[in-house]
Amino acid sequence: MEPTKTIWSLLETVYDPEVPVLSIVDLGIVRDVRMADGHPEIVITPTYSGCPAMDVIRMNIRMVLLENGYPDIRLTTVLSPAWTTDWMSEKGKQQLKAYGIAPPTPVPIVCDLGLFQHNEAIACPHCGSYHTTMISEFGSTACKALYRCEDCREPFDYFKCH
């Protein structure tokens, strides 16, 4: 198998420590894998510039590649263009939902709550209802918001669009 394809396959085994059902490939933070002078370079973009999980992700990338015969790798972080939820795979979005986290909506649906207040309509990952309320702009991590379903009464995280 071609080295870059092998490396992509290995990166599929590296999971986001904050959302352990998503590989870094499904999350969309791996931008490119290329070979330079026989050594792999992995190009990554954090979900946001202050993401605390990136140090662990970098370490896990190095570990999985070292364990599989790639001792000399280069990790390059690229901040522009900024990561977007559009880079998440459909498989990853379905994994989020199955895990109980509402995936980012492909096109934001905005509910008009009054003259100056608008709120995105988010479907509950447990029962599918859009009768949900945002509890907090920030959920278990900064890239998620905390919601509650008014029908099944379950709280849930929503992976915010950016």
C-alpha atoms as a PDB file:
ATOM      1  CA  MET A   1       0.000   0.000   0.000  1.00  0.00           C
ATOM      2  CA  GLU A   2       1.195   3.539  -0.750  1.00  0.00           C
ATOM      3  CA  PRO A   3       2.746   5.174   2.368  1.00  0.00           C
ATOM      4  CA  THR A   4       0.333   8.111   2.467  1.00  0.00           C
ATOM      5  CA  LYS A   5      -2.680   5.760   2.280  1.00  0.00           C
ATOM      6  CA  THR A   6      -1.204   3.678   5.095  1.00  0.00           C
ATOM      7  CA  ILE A   7      -0.718   6.798   7.200  1.00  0.00           C
ATOM      8  CA  TRP A   8      -4.296   7.982   6.537  1.00  0.00           C
ATOM      9  CA  SER A   9      -5.479   4.553   7.739  1.00  0.00           C
ATOM     10  CA  LEU A  10      -3.349   4.840  10.880  1.00  0.00           C
ATOM     11  CA  LEU A  11      -4.700   8.348  11.581  1.00  0.00           C
ATOM     12  CA  GLU A  12      -8.225   6.901  11.515  1.00  0.00           C
ATOM     13  CA  THR A  13      -7.268   5.093  14.740  1.00  0.00           C
ATOM     14  CA  VAL A  14      -6.414   8.343  16.559  1.00  0.00           C
ATOM     15  CA  TYR A  15      -9.450   9.652  18.427  1.00  0.00           C
ATOM     16  CA  ASP A  16     -10.278  13.106  19.742  1.00  0.00           C
ATOM     17  CA  PRO A  17      -9.789  12.891  23.531  1.00  0.00           C
ATOM     18  CA  GLU A  18     -12.747  15.260  24.107  1.00  0.00           C
ATOM     19  CA  VAL A  19     -15.122  13.364  21.784  1.00  0.00           C
ATOM     20  CA  PRO A  20     -13.825   9.776  21.900  1.00  0.00           C
ATOM     21  CA  VAL A  21     -16.178   8.482  19.182  1.00  0.00           C
ATOM     22  CA  LEU A  22     -14.562  10.688  16.510  1.00  0.00           C
ATOM     23  CA  SER A  23     -11.284   9.955  14.802  1.00  0.00           C
ATOM     24  CA  ILE A  24      -9.208  12.991  13.936  1.00  0.00           C
ATOM     25  CA  VAL A  25      -9.864  12.141  10.267  1.00  0.00           C
ATOM     26  CA  ASP A  26     -13.670  12.102  10.749  1.00  0.00           C
ATOM     27  CA  LEU A  27     -13.385  15.303  12.771  1.00  0.00           C
ATOM     28  CA  GLY A  28     -11.665  16.897   9.788  1.00  0.00           C
ATOM     29  CA  ILE A  29      -8.600  18.256  11.544  1.00  0.00           C
ATOM     30  CA  VAL A  30      -6.189  16.238   9.368  1.00  0.00           C
ATOM     31  CA  ARG A  31      -5.780  18.434   6.316  1.00  0.00           C
ATOM     32  CA  ASP A  32      -3.079  16.576   4.409  1.00  0.00           C
ATOM     33  CA  VAL A  33      -0.571  13.750   4.541  1.00  0.00           C
ATOM     34  CA  ARG A  34       2.473  14.042   2.325  1.00  0.00           C
ATOM     35  CA  MET A  35       5.909  12.518   2.049  1.00  0.00           C
ATOM     36  CA  ALA A  36       9.098  14.598   1.941  1.00  0.00           C
ATOM     37  CA  ASP A  37      12.453  12.811   1.601  1.00  0.00           C
ATOM     38  CA  GLY A  38      10.838   9.573   2.765  1.00  0.00           C
ATOM     39  CA  HIS A  39       9.427  11.128   5.927  1.00  0.00           C
ATOM     40  CA  PRO A  40       5.734  11.810   6.492  1.00  0.00           C
ATOM     41  CA  GLU A  41       4.368  15.278   7.123  1.00  0.00           C
ATOM     42  CA  ILE A  42       0.912  15.473   8.685  1.00  0.00           C
ATOM     43  CA  VAL A  43      -0.869  18.805   8.324  1.00  0.00           C
ATOM     44  CA  ILE A  44      -3.496  19.501  10.984  1.00  0.00           C
ATOM     45  CA  THR A  45      -5.859  22.341  11.841  1.00  0.00           C
ATOM     46  CA  PRO A  46      -7.354  22.609  15.346  1.00  0.00           C
ATOM     47  CA  THR A  47     -11.097  22.987  15.722  1.00  0.00           C
ATOM     48  CA  TYR A  48     -10.294  26.356  17.247  1.00  0.00           C
ATOM     49  CA  SER A  49      -6.970  28.006  17.956  1.00  0.00           C
ATOM     50  CA  GLY A  50      -7.109  27.468  21.731  1.00  0.00           C
ATOM     51  CA  CYS A  51      -8.193  23.825  21.647  1.00  0.00           C
ATOM     52  CA  PRO A  52      -6.601  22.140  24.698  1.00  0.00           C
ATOM     53  CA  ALA A  53      -6.888  18.687  23.119  1.00  0.00           C
ATOM     54  CA  MET A  54      -4.353  19.451  20.372  1.00  0.00           C
ATOM     55  CA  ASP A  55      -1.317  18.595  22.520  1.00  0.00           C
ATOM     56  CA  VAL A  56      -2.761  15.147  23.268  1.00  0.00           C
ATOM     57  CA  ILE A  57      -3.764  14.689  19.619  1.00  0.00           C
ATOM     58  CA  ARG A  58      -0.228  15.566  18.443  1.00  0.00           C
ATOM     59  CA  MET A  59       1.253  13.118  20.957  1.00  0.00           C
ATOM     60  CA  ASN A  60      -1.178  10.368  19.870  1.00  0.00           C
ATOM     61  CA  ILE A  61      -0.353  10.954  16.191  1.00  0.00           C
ATOM     62  CA  ARG A  62       3.358  10.618  16.963  1.00  0.00           C
ATOM     63  CA  MET A  63       2.775   7.481  19.039  1.00  0.00           C
ATOM     64  CA  VAL A  64       0.666   5.633  16.458  1.00  0.00           C
ATOM     65  CA  LEU A  65       3.087   6.457  13.655  1.00  0.00           C
ATOM     66  CA  LEU A  66       6.140   5.533  15.764  1.00  0.00           C
ATOM     67  CA  GLU A  67       4.523   2.200  16.694  1.00  0.00           C
ATOM     68  CA  ASN A  68       3.981   1.507  12.989  1.00  0.00           C
ATOM     69  CA  GLY A  69       7.493   2.229  11.732  1.00  0.00           C
ATOM     70  CA  TYR A  70       7.462   5.990  11.175  1.00  0.00           C
ATOM     71  CA  PRO A  71       9.935   7.347  13.753  1.00  0.00           C
ATOM     72  CA  ASP A  72      10.671  10.632  11.986  1.00  0.00           C
ATOM     73  CA  ILE A  73       7.524  12.593  11.240  1.00  0.00           C
ATOM     74  CA  ARG A  74       6.749  16.252  10.870  1.00  0.00           C
ATOM     75  CA  LEU A  75       3.559  17.705  12.310  1.00  0.00           C
ATOM     76  CA  THR A  76       2.529  21.018  10.802  1.00  0.00           C
ATOM     77  CA  THR A  77      -0.285  23.105  12.261  1.00  0.00           C
ATOM     78  CA  VAL A  78      -2.126  25.336   9.818  1.00  0.00           C
ATOM     79  CA  LEU A  79      -4.569  27.928  11.177  1.00  0.00           C
ATOM     80  CA  SER A  80      -5.755  29.440   7.898  1.00  0.00           C
ATOM     81  CA  PRO A  81      -8.242  28.739   6.592  1.00  0.00           C
ATOM     82  CA  ALA A  82      -9.818  28.122   9.964  1.00  0.00           C
ATOM     83  CA  TRP A  83     -11.341  24.721  10.653  1.00  0.00           C
ATOM     84  CA  THR A  84     -15.027  24.406   9.893  1.00  0.00           C
ATOM     85  CA  THR A  85     -17.621  21.780  10.753  1.00  0.00           C
ATOM     86  CA  ASP A  86     -18.033  21.374   6.982  1.00  0.00           C
ATOM     87  CA  TRP A  87     -14.797  19.350   7.138  1.00  0.00           C
ATOM     88  CA  MET A  88     -16.378  16.720   9.403  1.00  0.00           C
ATOM     89  CA  SER A  89     -17.280  13.500   7.629  1.00  0.00           C
ATOM     90  CA  GLU A  90     -20.894  12.366   7.422  1.00  0.00           C
ATOM     91  CA  LYS A  91     -19.802   9.218   9.256  1.00  0.00           C
ATOM     92  CA  GLY A  92     -18.426  11.423  12.041  1.00  0.00           C
ATOM     93  CA  LYS A  93     -21.667  13.402  12.285  1.00  0.00           C
ATOM     94  CA  GLN A  94     -23.650  10.169  12.591  1.00  0.00           C
ATOM     95  CA  GLN A  95     -21.231   8.920  15.272  1.00  0.00           C
ATOM     96  CA  LEU A  96     -21.800  12.132  17.244  1.00  0.00           C
ATOM     97  CA  LYS A  97     -25.562  11.675  17.090  1.00  0.00           C
ATOM     98  CA  ALA A  98     -25.348   8.012  18.150  1.00  0.00           C
ATOM     99  CA  TYR A  99     -23.137   9.107  21.073  1.00  0.00           C
ATOM    100  CA  GLY A 100     -25.781  11.618  22.210  1.00  0.00           C
ATOM    101  CA  ILE A 101     -24.200  14.814  20.859  1.00  0.00           C
ATOM    102  CA  ALA A 102     -26.229  16.784  18.329  1.00  0.00           C
ATOM    103  CA  PRO A 103     -24.080  17.115  15.202  1.00  0.00           C
ATOM    104  CA  PRO A 104     -23.607  20.492  13.532  1.00  0.00           C
ATOM    105  CA  THR A 105     -26.453  21.399  11.236  1.00  0.00           C
ATOM    106  CA  PRO A 106     -25.527  21.617   7.544  1.00  0.00           C
ATOM    107  CA  VAL A 107     -27.495  24.851   7.197  1.00  0.00           C
ATOM    108  CA  PRO A 108     -28.331  26.766  10.378  1.00  0.00           C
ATOM    109  CA  ILE A 109     -32.065  26.905  11.082  1.00  0.00           C
ATOM    110  CA  VAL A 110     -32.834  30.033  13.053  1.00  0.00           C
ATOM    111  CA  CYS A 111     -35.919  30.505  15.194  1.00  0.00           C
ATOM    112  CA  ASP A 112     -37.131  34.074  15.689  1.00  0.00           C
ATOM    113  CA  LEU A 113     -37.603  34.549  19.418  1.00  0.00           C
ATOM    114  CA  GLY A 114     -38.341  38.250  19.323  1.00  0.00           C
ATOM    115  CA  LEU A 115     -37.025  41.559  18.131  1.00  0.00           C
ATOM    116  CA  PHE A 116     -33.358  41.000  19.008  1.00  0.00           C
ATOM    117  CA  GLN A 117     -33.142  37.351  19.990  1.00  0.00           C
ATOM    118  CA  HIS A 118     -32.575  34.511  17.536  1.00  0.00           C
ATOM    119  CA  ASN A 119     -31.688  30.961  18.433  1.00  0.00           C
ATOM    120  CA  GLU A 120     -30.579  28.087  16.235  1.00  0.00           C
ATOM    121  CA  ALA A 121     -33.089  25.213  16.104  1.00  0.00           C
ATOM    122  CA  ILE A 122     -31.241  22.049  17.140  1.00  0.00           C
ATOM    123  CA  ALA A 123     -32.730  18.556  16.974  1.00  0.00           C
ATOM    124  CA  CYS A 124     -32.433  16.420  20.093  1.00  0.00           C
ATOM    125  CA  PRO A 125     -30.078  13.500  19.355  1.00  0.00           C
ATOM    126  CA  HIS A 126     -32.185  11.271  21.650  1.00  0.00           C
ATOM    127  CA  CYS A 127     -35.728  11.759  20.328  1.00  0.00           C
ATOM    128  CA  GLY A 128     -35.328  13.996  17.245  1.00  0.00           C
ATOM    129  CA  SER A 129     -37.509  16.825  18.571  1.00  0.00           C
ATOM    130  CA  TYR A 130     -36.720  20.413  17.607  1.00  0.00           C
ATOM    131  CA  HIS A 131     -38.440  21.582  20.800  1.00  0.00           C
ATOM    132  CA  THR A 132     -35.081  22.293  22.457  1.00  0.00           C
ATOM    133  CA  THR A 133     -33.634  25.114  24.538  1.00  0.00           C
ATOM    134  CA  MET A 134     -30.044  26.305  24.830  1.00  0.00           C
ATOM    135  CA  ILE A 135     -28.967  26.185  28.469  1.00  0.00           C
ATOM    136  CA  SER A 136     -25.426  27.500  27.970  1.00  0.00           C
ATOM    137  CA  GLU A 137     -23.279  28.766  25.084  1.00  0.00           C
ATOM    138  CA  PHE A 138     -20.624  26.336  26.306  1.00  0.00           C
ATOM    139  CA  GLY A 139     -21.117  22.651  27.000  1.00  0.00           C
ATOM    140  CA  SER A 140     -18.581  20.065  28.123  1.00  0.00           C
ATOM    141  CA  THR A 141     -15.999  21.754  25.855  1.00  0.00           C
ATOM    142  CA  ALA A 142     -15.784  25.200  24.253  1.00  0.00           C
ATOM    143  CA  CYS A 143     -16.722  23.786  20.831  1.00  0.00           C
ATOM    144  CA  LYS A 144     -20.072  22.554  22.147  1.00  0.00           C
ATOM    145  CA  ALA A 145     -23.172  24.256  23.566  1.00  0.00           C
ATOM    146  CA  LEU A 146     -25.448  22.737  26.210  1.00  0.00           C
ATOM    147  CA  TYR A 147     -29.102  22.173  25.264  1.00  0.00           C
ATOM    148  CA  ARG A 148     -32.135  20.502  26.831  1.00  0.00           C
ATOM    149  CA  CYS A 149     -34.961  18.800  24.982  1.00  0.00           C
ATOM    150  CA  GLU A 150     -38.338  20.068  26.156  1.00  0.00           C
ATOM    151  CA  ASP A 151     -40.056  16.851  24.992  1.00  0.00           C
ATOM    152  CA  CYS A 152     -37.881  14.038  26.388  1.00  0.00           C
ATOM    153  CA  ARG A 153     -36.304  16.396  28.994  1.00  0.00           C
ATOM    154  CA  GLU A 154     -32.794  15.078  28.312  1.00  0.00           C
ATOM    155  CA  PRO A 155     -29.810  17.459  28.343  1.00  0.00           C
ATOM    156  CA  PHE A 156     -27.371  17.157  25.451  1.00  0.00           C
ATOM    157  CA  ASP A 157     -24.347  18.800  23.899  1.00  0.00           C
ATOM    158  CA  TYR A 158     -24.535  20.372  20.459  1.00  0.00           C
ATOM    159  CA  PHE A 159     -21.342  20.513  18.387  1.00  0.00           C
ATOM    160  CA  LYS A 160     -21.427  24.173  17.324  1.00  0.00           C
ATOM    161  CA  CYS A 161     -20.951  25.190  13.704  1.00  0.00           C
ATOM    162  CA  HIS A 162     -17.920  27.232  12.825  1.00  0.00           C
END
